[in-house]
Protein backbone atom coordinates (compact mmCIF):
# COMPACT_ATOMS: atom_id res chain seq x y z
CA MET A 1 37.11 22.37 -1.55
CA ALA A 2 40.29 23.93 -2.54
CA GLY A 3 40.71 27.63 -2.36
CA SER A 4 39.64 30.25 0.26
CA PHE A 5 36.01 30.38 -0.52
CA PRO A 6 33.38 30.96 2.18
CA ARG A 7 31.50 27.74 3.04
CA ARG A 8 28.17 27.88 1.14
CA ALA A 9 25.07 25.79 1.02
CA LEU A 10 22.21 26.19 -1.44
CA ILE A 11 18.78 25.29 -0.06
CA SER A 12 15.60 24.98 -2.20
CA VAL A 13 12.91 22.66 -0.91
CA SER A 14 9.26 21.99 -1.03
CA ASP A 15 9.13 19.93 2.14
CA LYS A 16 10.09 22.17 5.01
CA ALA A 17 10.25 19.33 7.63
CA GLY A 18 13.41 19.73 9.80
CA LEU A 19 14.56 22.68 7.67
CA ALA A 20 14.81 25.26 10.51
CA GLU A 21 17.07 22.97 12.55
CA LEU A 22 19.21 22.22 9.56
CA ALA A 23 19.73 25.78 8.69
CA LYS A 24 20.51 26.76 12.30
CA GLY A 25 23.11 24.09 12.47
CA LEU A 26 24.75 25.10 9.20
CA ASN A 27 24.83 28.79 10.27
CA GLU A 28 26.52 27.78 13.50
CA LEU A 29 29.10 25.87 11.48
CA GLY A 30 29.86 28.99 9.46
CA PHE A 31 27.96 28.25 6.31
CA GLN A 32 26.34 30.99 4.28
CA ILE A 33 23.09 29.76 3.02
CA VAL A 34 21.82 30.78 -0.41
CA SER A 35 18.13 30.12 -1.04
CA THR A 36 15.15 30.73 -3.30
CA GLY A 37 11.62 32.18 -3.12
CA GLY A 38 9.37 30.35 -0.57
CA THR A 39 12.36 28.53 1.02
CA ARG A 40 14.24 31.82 1.62
CA ALA A 41 11.13 33.45 3.09
CA PHE A 42 10.57 30.45 5.40
CA LEU A 43 14.20 30.42 6.64
CA GLN A 44 14.15 34.14 7.24
CA GLN A 45 11.00 33.79 9.42
CA GLN A 46 13.01 31.16 11.36
CA GLY A 47 15.77 33.57 12.02
CA ALA A 48 18.28 31.98 9.73
CA ASN A 49 21.03 34.01 7.85
CA VAL A 50 19.99 33.70 4.25
CA ILE A 51 21.32 35.13 0.95
CA ASP A 52 18.72 35.52 -1.83
CA ILE A 53 19.92 33.55 -4.87
CA ALA A 54 19.09 36.61 -7.10
CA GLU A 55 21.57 38.62 -5.02
CA TYR A 56 24.28 35.94 -5.88
CA THR A 57 23.56 35.51 -9.48
CA GLY A 58 22.70 39.23 -10.20
CA PHE A 59 19.66 37.92 -12.13
CA PRO A 60 16.04 38.02 -10.75
CA GLU A 61 13.69 35.15 -10.54
CA ILE A 62 11.35 35.45 -13.58
CA MET A 63 8.36 33.75 -15.15
CA ASP A 64 6.56 33.11 -11.78
CA GLY A 65 9.65 31.44 -10.36
CA ARG A 66 9.98 29.02 -13.30
CA VAL A 67 13.56 30.32 -13.82
CA LYS A 68 15.55 31.00 -10.79
CA THR A 69 18.27 28.42 -10.33
CA LEU A 70 18.92 27.71 -14.02
CA HIS A 71 21.99 30.01 -14.11
CA PRO A 72 25.68 29.50 -14.87
CA LYS A 73 26.64 31.00 -11.45
CA VAL A 74 24.47 28.33 -9.83
CA HIS A 75 25.48 25.29 -11.85
CA GLY A 76 29.03 26.40 -12.14
CA ALA A 77 29.12 26.62 -8.33
CA ILE A 78 27.82 22.96 -8.21
CA LEU A 79 29.71 21.39 -11.08
CA GLY A 80 32.97 23.25 -10.74
CA ARG A 81 36.13 21.43 -9.62
CA PRO A 82 38.31 24.09 -8.00
CA ASP A 83 41.45 21.97 -7.87
CA VAL A 84 41.27 21.57 -11.68
CA ALA A 85 43.21 24.50 -13.16
CA HIS A 86 40.90 25.62 -16.00
CA HIS A 87 37.91 25.09 -13.68
CA ALA A 88 39.54 27.24 -11.09
CA GLU A 89 40.21 29.90 -13.84
CA ALA A 90 36.54 29.94 -14.92
CA ILE A 91 35.31 30.17 -11.21
CA ALA A 92 37.61 33.21 -10.68
CA ALA A 93 36.71 34.86 -13.93
CA HIS A 94 33.08 34.68 -13.41
CA GLY A 95 32.85 35.47 -9.67
CA ILE A 96 31.48 31.94 -8.80
CA ILE A 97 31.51 30.81 -5.24
CA PRO A 98 31.39 27.04 -5.11
CA PHE A 99 28.72 25.35 -3.06
CA GLU A 100 29.76 22.72 -0.47
CA LEU A 101 26.28 21.46 0.07
CA ILE A 102 23.06 21.32 -1.91
CA VAL A 103 19.76 20.70 -0.15
CA VAL A 104 16.88 20.10 -2.52
CA ASN A 105 13.61 18.27 -2.62
CA LEU A 106 11.35 18.50 -5.51
CA TYR A 107 7.88 19.78 -6.32
CA PRO A 108 5.32 17.17 -5.01
CA PHE A 109 4.31 15.80 -8.35
CA GLU A 110 3.09 12.49 -7.25
CA ALA A 111 1.13 13.95 -4.37
CA THR A 112 -0.42 16.45 -6.74
CA ILE A 113 -1.69 13.98 -9.29
CA ALA A 114 -3.02 11.74 -6.52
CA LYS A 115 -5.39 14.51 -5.42
CA PRO A 116 -8.99 14.25 -6.54
CA GLY A 117 -9.79 16.67 -9.26
CA CYS A 118 -6.22 17.25 -10.33
CA THR A 119 -6.20 18.78 -13.80
CA ILE A 120 -3.54 18.35 -16.33
CA GLU A 121 -2.59 21.96 -15.98
CA ASP A 122 -2.04 21.36 -12.16
CA ALA A 123 0.08 18.28 -12.93
CA ILE A 124 2.26 20.04 -15.49
CA GLU A 125 2.86 23.04 -13.30
CA ASN A 126 4.17 20.71 -10.51
CA ILE A 127 6.82 19.25 -12.76
CA ASP A 128 10.09 20.52 -11.17
CA ILE A 129 12.76 21.53 -13.64
CA GLY A 130 15.42 23.50 -11.72
CA GLY A 131 15.34 21.05 -8.76
CA PRO A 132 16.25 17.85 -10.63
CA SER A 133 18.86 19.80 -12.56
CA MET A 134 20.63 20.88 -9.39
CA VAL A 135 20.21 17.37 -7.86
CA ARG A 136 21.84 15.73 -10.79
CA SER A 137 24.62 18.29 -11.12
CA ALA A 138 25.54 17.90 -7.43
CA ALA A 139 25.26 14.07 -7.54
CA LYS A 140 27.57 13.99 -10.58
CA ASN A 141 30.08 16.25 -8.79
CA HIS A 142 29.72 14.45 -5.40
CA GLU A 143 33.56 14.21 -5.21
CA TYR A 144 33.23 17.95 -4.08
CA VAL A 145 29.58 18.52 -3.26
CA GLY A 146 27.21 16.87 -0.87
CA ILE A 147 23.69 16.47 -2.18
CA VAL A 148 20.88 16.14 0.35
CA THR A 149 17.45 15.19 -1.02
CA CYS A 150 15.45 14.08 2.00
CA PRO A 151 14.80 15.37 5.59
CA SER A 152 15.68 12.11 7.02
CA GLN A 153 19.32 12.79 5.99
CA TYR A 154 19.64 16.12 7.88
CA THR A 155 20.67 14.64 11.25
CA ARG A 156 23.52 12.64 9.81
CA VAL A 157 24.71 15.57 7.70
CA LEU A 158 24.95 17.85 10.55
CA SER A 159 26.53 15.15 12.71
CA GLU A 160 29.36 14.51 10.12
CA LEU A 161 29.99 18.24 9.61
CA LYS A 162 30.23 18.84 13.34
CA THR A 163 32.46 15.93 14.17
CA ALA A 164 34.64 15.69 11.06
CA GLY A 165 34.39 19.18 9.65
CA LYS A 166 33.15 17.82 6.28
CA LEU A 167 31.19 14.99 4.73
CA SER A 168 33.15 11.87 4.19
CA HIS A 169 33.69 10.65 0.62
CA ASP A 170 31.71 7.51 1.24
CA PHE A 171 28.74 9.47 2.65
CA ARG A 172 28.84 11.83 -0.31
CA ARG A 173 28.69 8.95 -2.65
CA GLU A 174 25.82 7.39 -0.63
CA LEU A 175 23.98 10.69 -0.94
CA ALA A 176 24.60 10.90 -4.64
CA ALA A 177 23.24 7.39 -5.13
CA ALA A 178 20.05 8.32 -3.20
CA ALA A 179 19.82 11.54 -5.34
CA PHE A 180 19.98 9.67 -8.67
CA ALA A 181 17.41 7.22 -7.37
CA LYS A 182 15.21 10.15 -6.44
CA THR A 183 15.43 11.86 -9.82
CA ALA A 184 14.92 8.49 -11.64
CA SER A 185 11.81 7.89 -9.61
CA TYR A 186 10.57 11.38 -10.19
CA ASP A 187 11.12 11.16 -13.90
CA ARG A 188 9.34 7.70 -14.05
CA ALA A 189 6.30 9.17 -12.36
CA ILE A 190 6.13 12.03 -14.83
CA ALA A 191 6.70 9.76 -17.82
CA ASP A 192 3.90 7.36 -16.63
CA TYR A 193 1.55 10.28 -16.08
CA MET A 194 2.32 11.80 -19.47
CA ALA A 195 1.96 8.42 -21.22
CA GLY A 196 -1.41 8.00 -19.42
CA ILE A 197 -2.87 11.24 -20.68
CA THR A 198 -1.91 10.57 -24.30
CA GLY A 199 -4.31 7.58 -24.65
CA LYS A 200 -1.78 5.87 -26.85
CA LEU A 201 -0.51 3.19 -24.53
CA ILE A 202 -1.58 -0.20 -25.89
CA PRO A 203 -0.31 -1.45 -29.31
CA GLU A 204 -2.90 -1.13 -32.15
CA GLU A 205 -2.89 -4.95 -32.65
CA LYS A 206 -4.56 -5.67 -29.31
CA PRO A 207 -7.44 -8.17 -29.84
CA ASP A 208 -10.82 -6.65 -30.69
CA ASP A 209 -12.56 -8.57 -27.98
CA VAL A 210 -10.28 -7.25 -25.15
CA THR A 211 -11.45 -4.12 -23.40
CA ILE A 212 -8.68 -2.36 -21.67
CA ASN A 213 -8.59 0.84 -19.60
CA GLU A 214 -5.60 2.20 -21.45
CA LYS A 215 -4.87 4.95 -18.96
CA ASN A 216 -4.02 2.24 -16.28
CA PHE A 217 -1.79 0.03 -18.44
CA PRO A 218 1.12 2.05 -19.94
CA ARG A 219 3.02 0.33 -22.79
CA VAL A 220 6.15 0.46 -20.69
CA LEU A 221 5.71 -0.10 -16.98
CA HIS A 222 7.97 1.46 -14.34
CA LEU A 223 7.68 0.38 -10.82
CA ASP A 224 9.16 2.32 -7.92
CA PHE A 225 9.01 0.85 -4.41
CA GLU A 226 10.97 1.73 -1.32
CA ARG A 227 12.27 -0.99 1.00
CA ARG A 228 10.35 -0.79 4.30
CA MET A 229 12.20 -3.50 6.10
CA PRO A 230 14.15 -6.68 5.45
CA LEU A 231 12.35 -9.81 6.56
CA ARG A 232 13.94 -12.83 8.36
CA TYR A 233 13.17 -15.00 5.37
CA GLY A 234 10.48 -15.59 2.72
CA GLU A 235 7.81 -18.23 2.62
CA ASN A 236 10.46 -20.72 3.68
CA PRO A 237 13.75 -20.29 5.76
CA HIS A 238 15.97 -20.83 2.71
CA GLN A 239 14.23 -17.87 0.79
CA ALA A 240 15.46 -14.24 1.29
CA ALA A 241 12.80 -11.55 1.47
CA ALA A 242 11.93 -7.94 2.13
CA PHE A 243 8.88 -5.67 2.36
CA TYR A 244 8.68 -2.82 -0.10
CA VAL A 245 6.10 0.03 -0.18
CA GLU A 246 4.94 2.22 -3.05
CA PRO A 247 5.49 6.02 -2.87
CA ASN A 248 2.42 7.81 -1.39
CA ALA A 249 0.88 4.48 -0.38
CA ASP A 250 -2.78 4.59 0.50
CA LYS A 251 -3.41 5.18 4.15
CA ALA A 252 -6.03 2.43 4.40
CA THR A 253 -3.41 -0.30 3.47
CA LEU A 254 -0.93 -2.45 5.28
CA ALA A 255 1.82 -0.09 4.05
CA ALA A 256 0.38 2.51 6.53
CA ALA A 257 0.05 0.09 9.50
CA GLU A 258 2.13 0.72 12.60
CA LYS A 259 3.36 -2.30 14.61
CA LEU A 260 2.67 -1.49 18.27
CA HIS A 261 3.98 -4.77 19.83
CA GLY A 262 5.48 -8.16 19.22
CA LYS A 263 8.36 -9.78 17.36
CA GLU A 264 9.22 -8.92 13.78
CA LEU A 265 6.77 -9.64 11.07
CA SER A 266 7.34 -12.39 8.58
CA TYR A 267 6.66 -12.71 4.90
CA ASN A 268 3.72 -15.03 5.53
CA ASN A 269 2.45 -12.70 8.28
CA LEU A 270 2.26 -9.83 5.87
CA LEU A 271 0.43 -11.77 3.28
CA ASP A 272 -2.15 -12.94 5.78
CA LEU A 273 -2.58 -9.61 7.36
CA ASP A 274 -3.25 -8.04 3.96
CA ALA A 275 -5.86 -10.75 3.25
CA ALA A 276 -7.47 -10.32 6.68
CA MET A 277 -7.71 -6.58 6.34
CA ALA A 278 -9.31 -6.86 2.85
CA ILE A 279 -12.12 -9.07 4.10
CA VAL A 280 -13.35 -7.12 7.20
CA ARG A 281 -13.11 -3.82 5.21
CA GLU A 282 -16.12 -5.19 3.26
CA TYR A 283 -18.50 -4.52 6.21
CA ASN A 284 -20.16 -1.60 7.92
CA GLN A 285 -21.09 -3.70 10.89
CA PRO A 286 -18.49 -4.81 13.41
CA ALA A 287 -16.62 -7.63 11.74
CA ALA A 288 -13.87 -10.14 12.60
CA VAL A 289 -11.88 -12.56 10.55
CA VAL A 290 -9.50 -15.38 11.27
CA ILE A 291 -6.96 -16.13 8.41
CA LYS A 292 -4.85 -19.20 7.95
CA HIS A 293 -2.64 -19.58 4.81
CA ASN A 294 -4.35 -16.58 3.10
CA ASN A 295 -7.80 -17.99 3.38
CA PRO A 296 -10.49 -17.16 5.94
CA CYS A 297 -11.29 -20.12 8.24
CA GLY A 298 -13.67 -18.02 10.16
CA CYS A 299 -15.41 -14.61 9.53
CA ALA A 300 -18.51 -12.99 11.09
CA ILE A 301 -20.46 -9.79 11.52
CA ALA A 302 -22.49 -8.84 14.58
CA ASP A 303 -23.79 -5.91 16.55
CA SER A 304 -20.60 -5.98 18.77
CA LEU A 305 -16.98 -6.81 18.00
CA ALA A 306 -16.69 -9.39 20.74
CA VAL A 307 -19.75 -11.26 19.40
CA ALA A 308 -18.37 -11.02 15.93
CA PHE A 309 -15.06 -12.48 17.12
CA GLU A 310 -16.71 -15.37 18.87
CA LYS A 311 -18.77 -16.29 15.84
CA ALA A 312 -15.65 -15.97 13.54
CA TYR A 313 -13.63 -18.18 15.84
CA ALA A 314 -16.36 -20.84 16.00
CA GLY A 315 -16.17 -21.14 12.18
CA ASP A 316 -13.21 -23.47 12.54
CA PRO A 317 -11.57 -23.41 15.95
CA VAL A 318 -8.99 -26.01 15.09
CA SER A 319 -7.68 -23.97 12.15
CA ALA A 320 -7.99 -20.74 14.01
CA PHE A 321 -5.15 -21.79 16.39
CA GLY A 322 -2.20 -19.63 15.60
CA GLY A 323 -4.18 -17.57 13.13
CA ILE A 324 -4.03 -13.95 11.84
CA PHE A 325 -6.92 -11.77 13.14
CA ALA A 326 -8.41 -8.63 11.79
CA PHE A 327 -11.17 -6.32 13.12
CA ASN A 328 -12.76 -3.35 11.56
CA ARG A 329 -13.36 -1.58 14.87
CA GLU A 330 -11.00 -0.62 17.71
CA VAL A 331 -10.33 -3.84 19.83
CA ASP A 332 -12.08 -3.34 23.06
CA MET A 333 -11.66 -5.12 26.38
CA ALA A 334 -14.50 -7.47 25.78
CA THR A 335 -12.92 -8.70 22.54
CA ALA A 336 -9.54 -8.85 24.23
CA GLU A 337 -10.90 -11.07 26.88
CA GLN A 338 -11.98 -13.52 24.32
CA LEU A 339 -8.63 -13.36 22.44
CA CYS A 340 -6.79 -14.11 25.82
CA ALA A 341 -8.75 -17.22 26.52
CA PRO A 342 -6.34 -20.02 27.67
CA ASP A 343 -7.09 -22.36 24.61
CA ARG A 344 -6.30 -19.63 22.05
CA PHE A 345 -3.06 -18.77 20.36
CA VAL A 346 -2.74 -15.61 18.22
CA GLU A 347 0.11 -14.75 15.76
CA ALA A 348 -0.97 -11.26 14.83
CA ILE A 349 -3.93 -8.74 14.98
CA ILE A 350 -4.60 -5.75 12.80
CA ALA A 351 -7.36 -3.18 13.62
CA PRO A 352 -7.99 0.47 13.56
CA GLY A 353 -6.78 0.64 17.10
CA PHE A 354 -6.78 -0.87 20.57
CA SER A 355 -8.28 0.53 23.73
CA SER A 356 -5.68 0.98 26.43
CA ASP A 357 -7.01 -1.82 28.67
CA ALA A 358 -7.39 -4.14 25.62
CA PHE A 359 -3.84 -3.42 24.65
CA GLN A 360 -2.52 -4.08 28.08
CA ALA A 361 -4.41 -7.36 28.42
CA LEU A 362 -3.00 -8.59 25.03
CA ILE A 363 0.61 -7.84 25.94
CA THR A 364 0.56 -9.07 29.49
CA ARG A 365 -1.94 -11.91 30.03
CA PRO A 366 -1.76 -14.72 27.49
CA LYS A 367 1.16 -17.20 27.19
CA TRP A 368 2.03 -15.71 23.73
CA LYS A 369 2.07 -12.09 25.06
CA ASN A 370 5.70 -11.36 24.11
CA ASN A 371 5.38 -12.49 20.50
CA VAL A 372 1.95 -11.42 19.40
CA ARG A 373 2.12 -8.70 16.65
CA LEU A 374 -0.36 -5.88 17.18
CA LEU A 375 -0.74 -3.55 14.28
CA ARG A 376 -2.74 -0.33 14.11
CA CYS A 377 -3.96 1.19 10.91
CA SER A 378 -5.72 4.31 11.81
CA ALA A 379 -7.23 4.86 8.35
CA PHE A 380 -8.32 1.08 8.27
CA ASN A 381 -11.97 1.74 7.07
CA ASP A 382 -11.28 4.71 4.83
CA SER A 383 -12.00 4.42 1.07
CA ARG A 384 -9.03 3.44 -1.08
CA GLY A 385 -8.08 4.81 -4.43
CA GLU A 386 -7.97 2.75 -7.61
CA SER A 387 -4.90 0.47 -7.70
CA LEU A 388 -3.35 -2.35 -9.65
CA GLU A 389 -2.16 -5.73 -8.59
CA TYR A 390 1.11 -7.18 -9.71
CA ARG A 391 2.22 -10.77 -9.88
CA ARG A 392 5.57 -11.99 -11.15
CA VAL A 393 5.87 -14.94 -13.63
CA ALA A 394 9.14 -16.19 -14.82
CA GLY A 395 10.36 -13.62 -17.32
CA GLY A 396 7.54 -11.12 -16.91
CA LEU A 397 4.83 -9.50 -14.80
CA LEU A 398 1.03 -9.91 -14.83
CA VAL A 399 -0.91 -6.71 -14.03
CA GLN A 400 -4.62 -6.31 -13.30
CA SER A 401 -7.05 -3.96 -11.58
CA ARG A 402 -7.91 -5.06 -7.99
CA ASP A 403 -11.19 -7.04 -7.47
CA ASP A 404 -12.41 -4.57 -4.87
CA GLN A 405 -15.45 -2.98 -6.47
CA ALA A 406 -18.84 -3.53 -5.03
CA ASP A 407 -21.13 -5.90 -6.97
CA PRO A 408 -24.25 -4.20 -8.29
CA GLU A 409 -27.16 -5.95 -6.70
CA ALA A 410 -29.38 -4.55 -9.39
CA ASP A 411 -27.78 -7.17 -11.72
CA TRP A 412 -28.69 -10.08 -9.47
CA LYS A 413 -31.27 -12.48 -10.61
CA ILE A 414 -33.38 -14.95 -8.57
CA VAL A 415 -33.48 -17.97 -10.93
CA THR A 416 -35.40 -20.38 -8.79
CA ASN A 417 -38.99 -20.89 -7.97
CA ARG A 418 -38.59 -19.86 -4.31
CA GLN A 419 -37.65 -16.33 -3.34
CA PRO A 420 -35.01 -15.83 -0.55
CA THR A 421 -36.29 -14.74 2.85
CA ASP A 422 -34.85 -11.53 4.36
CA ALA A 423 -32.60 -13.61 6.67
CA GLU A 424 -31.35 -15.69 3.68
CA LEU A 425 -30.66 -12.61 1.63
CA ARG A 426 -28.51 -11.07 4.42
CA ASP A 427 -26.61 -14.28 4.68
CA LEU A 428 -26.20 -14.49 0.85
CA ARG A 429 -24.75 -11.02 0.79
CA PHE A 430 -22.31 -11.81 3.62
CA ALA A 431 -21.23 -15.19 2.13
CA TRP A 432 -20.73 -13.60 -1.29
CA SER A 433 -18.54 -10.80 0.03
CA VAL A 434 -16.33 -13.41 1.91
CA CYS A 435 -16.26 -15.78 -1.05
CA LYS A 436 -14.34 -13.51 -3.36
CA HIS A 437 -11.42 -13.42 -0.98
CA VAL A 438 -11.20 -17.26 -0.88
CA LYS A 439 -8.79 -19.15 -3.13
CA SER A 440 -10.46 -20.85 -6.03
CA ASN A 441 -12.27 -23.08 -6.31
CA ALA A 442 -14.07 -21.34 -3.54
CA ILE A 443 -17.08 -22.54 -1.64
CA VAL A 444 -18.41 -20.66 1.55
CA PHE A 445 -21.10 -22.00 3.81
CA ALA A 446 -22.61 -19.37 6.15
CA LYS A 447 -25.50 -18.82 8.59
CA ASP A 448 -26.50 -15.90 10.77
CA GLY A 449 -23.67 -13.61 9.57
CA ALA A 450 -20.87 -16.12 10.13
CA ILE A 451 -18.87 -18.71 8.14
CA THR A 452 -19.66 -22.18 9.08
CA GLY A 453 -17.30 -23.86 6.66
CA THR A 454 -14.91 -22.96 3.84
CA GLY A 455 -13.65 -25.06 0.92
CA ALA A 456 -10.62 -23.39 -0.65
CA GLY A 457 -8.12 -23.94 -3.35
CA GLN A 458 -9.44 -27.33 -4.55
CA MET A 459 -9.07 -28.65 -8.08
CA SER A 460 -12.76 -29.57 -8.13
CA ARG A 461 -15.63 -27.43 -6.99
CA LEU A 462 -17.31 -30.50 -5.57
CA ASP A 463 -14.36 -31.16 -3.35
CA SER A 464 -14.50 -27.68 -2.05
CA ALA A 465 -18.29 -28.15 -1.33
CA GLN A 466 -17.53 -31.44 0.54
CA ILE A 467 -14.90 -29.71 2.66
CA ALA A 468 -17.16 -26.88 3.52
CA ALA A 469 -19.83 -29.35 4.52
CA GLN A 470 -17.40 -31.33 6.62
CA LYS A 471 -16.16 -28.19 8.38
CA SER A 472 -19.71 -26.99 9.04
CA GLY A 473 -21.23 -30.14 10.47
CA ASP A 474 -24.71 -29.45 11.69
CA ARG A 475 -24.13 -25.67 12.08
CA CYS A 476 -25.06 -24.94 8.45
CA GLN A 477 -28.61 -26.35 8.73
CA GLY A 478 -30.88 -23.76 7.07
CA GLY A 479 -27.78 -21.73 5.87
CA VAL A 480 -26.48 -20.45 2.61
CA VAL A 481 -23.61 -21.32 0.15
CA ALA A 482 -21.67 -18.98 -2.07
CA SER A 483 -19.49 -20.07 -5.02
CA ASP A 484 -16.96 -17.85 -6.59
CA ALA A 485 -17.65 -19.29 -10.09
CA PHE A 486 -20.50 -21.15 -11.52
CA PHE A 487 -21.49 -24.67 -10.51
CA PRO A 488 -20.60 -26.76 -13.71
CA PHE A 489 -22.78 -29.62 -12.59
CA ARG A 490 -25.63 -30.26 -10.18
CA ASP A 491 -23.35 -32.22 -7.83
CA GLY A 492 -22.27 -29.16 -5.94
CA ILE A 493 -25.87 -28.17 -5.33
CA ASP A 494 -26.73 -31.72 -4.30
CA GLN A 495 -23.90 -31.75 -1.75
CA ALA A 496 -24.98 -28.40 -0.31
CA ALA A 497 -28.54 -29.51 0.04
CA LYS A 498 -27.41 -32.67 1.78
CA ALA A 499 -25.56 -30.54 4.24
CA GLY A 500 -28.83 -28.60 4.97
CA ILE A 501 -28.25 -25.49 2.84
CA LEU A 502 -31.39 -23.73 1.75
CA ALA A 503 -29.99 -20.76 -0.43
CA ALA A 504 -27.26 -20.38 -2.90
CA ILE A 505 -25.40 -17.50 -4.69
CA GLN A 506 -23.17 -17.89 -7.69
CA PRO A 507 -22.27 -16.05 -10.90
CA GLY A 508 -24.16 -18.31 -13.28
CA GLY A 509 -23.13 -18.61 -16.93
CA SER A 510 -22.57 -22.44 -17.28
CA ARG A 511 -24.02 -24.32 -20.17
CA ASN A 512 -25.43 -26.56 -17.45
CA ASP A 513 -27.31 -23.71 -15.63
CA PRO A 514 -30.63 -25.30 -16.35
CA GLU A 515 -29.61 -28.51 -14.71
CA VAL A 516 -28.23 -26.67 -11.63
CA ILE A 517 -31.36 -24.56 -11.35
CA ALA A 518 -33.51 -27.65 -11.63
CA ALA A 519 -31.43 -29.34 -8.83
CA ALA A 520 -32.00 -26.29 -6.58
CA ASN A 521 -35.73 -26.31 -7.25
CA GLU A 522 -35.84 -30.10 -6.43
CA HIS A 523 -34.33 -29.39 -3.18
CA GLY A 524 -36.53 -26.42 -2.36
CA MET A 525 -33.62 -24.06 -2.47
CA THR A 526 -33.47 -20.50 -3.63
CA MET A 527 -30.59 -19.34 -5.85
CA ILE A 528 -29.26 -16.08 -7.09
CA PHE A 529 -27.16 -15.48 -10.12
CA THR A 530 -24.91 -12.49 -9.75
CA GLY A 531 -23.45 -12.34 -13.24
CA ARG A 532 -19.98 -11.72 -11.83
CA ARG A 533 -17.21 -14.20 -11.20
CA HIS A 534 -14.57 -13.72 -8.47
CA PHE A 535 -11.77 -16.14 -9.13
CA LYS A 536 -8.76 -15.67 -6.70
CA HIS A 537 -5.84 -17.70 -7.96
């Protein structure tokens, strides 16, 4: 800046990560630091040289700290342009000392509203006013002021100040762009929350027969995702792609997974890893799944992870080659031994963790050791909060709640003459929980806690049943079938019975239910109606 002012930085942050190092570096470079309330107290404890903002403005913080930076000597010091004559006159007349650097991050509004039991009063109190005002002022005047809004920027800021003596014009503009993005995101989160608590989100002309949770579907939808990484390409090499994550993403999701080994992840890898994770999270027992093209070609539960994996892999060994694998337990050495078998090829594995010997085996022994992606999600089995699914269509966006709620078994009805055995009931539960993750029309054959065959994504439910039977061979004798939607005709039941299936589970609700029930009775099958459909398009 022009003139002979001391170098000054204003620091007011909620997130104290890296702050002590930044303040120390600024003091060493000759900066006077002006700060507020909790930030000032923290920096003083760290031994930094700090000036209380009230000492600079001559006006105390009031109203429980709600008013502390909203002062002409603060915003004049941020917005002033000392090389403009009348600005310089105002600066001199009012004893303003321009700030060279503003370091601000905002009250944690989104983290606050994400907490269980957050009240409206808590949320409102965590709406930052002074912070966004300073950020926007500094970003507007970035020709003269550097605006720092994230601890990840601290290292580069200090580096440029040490090597060049000041922040470059291009870097200040980059920081300003990030600052405006930050305040836009912050304001969107507040606007969405406020819209949600008004209960006036959906137009009055909505159809009477549509029930909508209005809080979850604002009339205007704002999405704010941060790019995690560019991808080599999309579904195909000629398509560009990137992976974005939502702010404060749930810890039990792919967004929180850490890649421990292997080459970079692809667009299709991420889709399959997400699908794999969703399936094995269904189970309390050790579970394993093999995913190909977003569908499970094998899935099983057992008393040990190694046995679960062997049963899952046996579901369709041909399709399992080059698959994506997920486990709901730490991968142990016994399971790694099975994964490393010479006839097996693995693209990626996601799990809550890997034992040290299992990890070493997977990255040293198989032929594909250098390329296999190993991902750890420590919170793999934790519960997830409510969330929405988004799908683009040309010119718009479809939004729905996730199909991740447990089905109430109290609503299930046995509609056939024969009751299921305990073993059949266990397999029916298992097959039903897998089936909702299979592309429609979905048919799953299972026995002894393992898939024996899957029919997915067919235009005809009968075709899906025939594919599941073909995949199963003789392994489904005495097993069960799950269908994601009702059997419209008896032919699907006839096909299952021909394959040796003795029990069925489906939503019911077809006008031909009596015909389908009669077919099941003819074959000596037992059948459950769940009353809930699980289409997955």
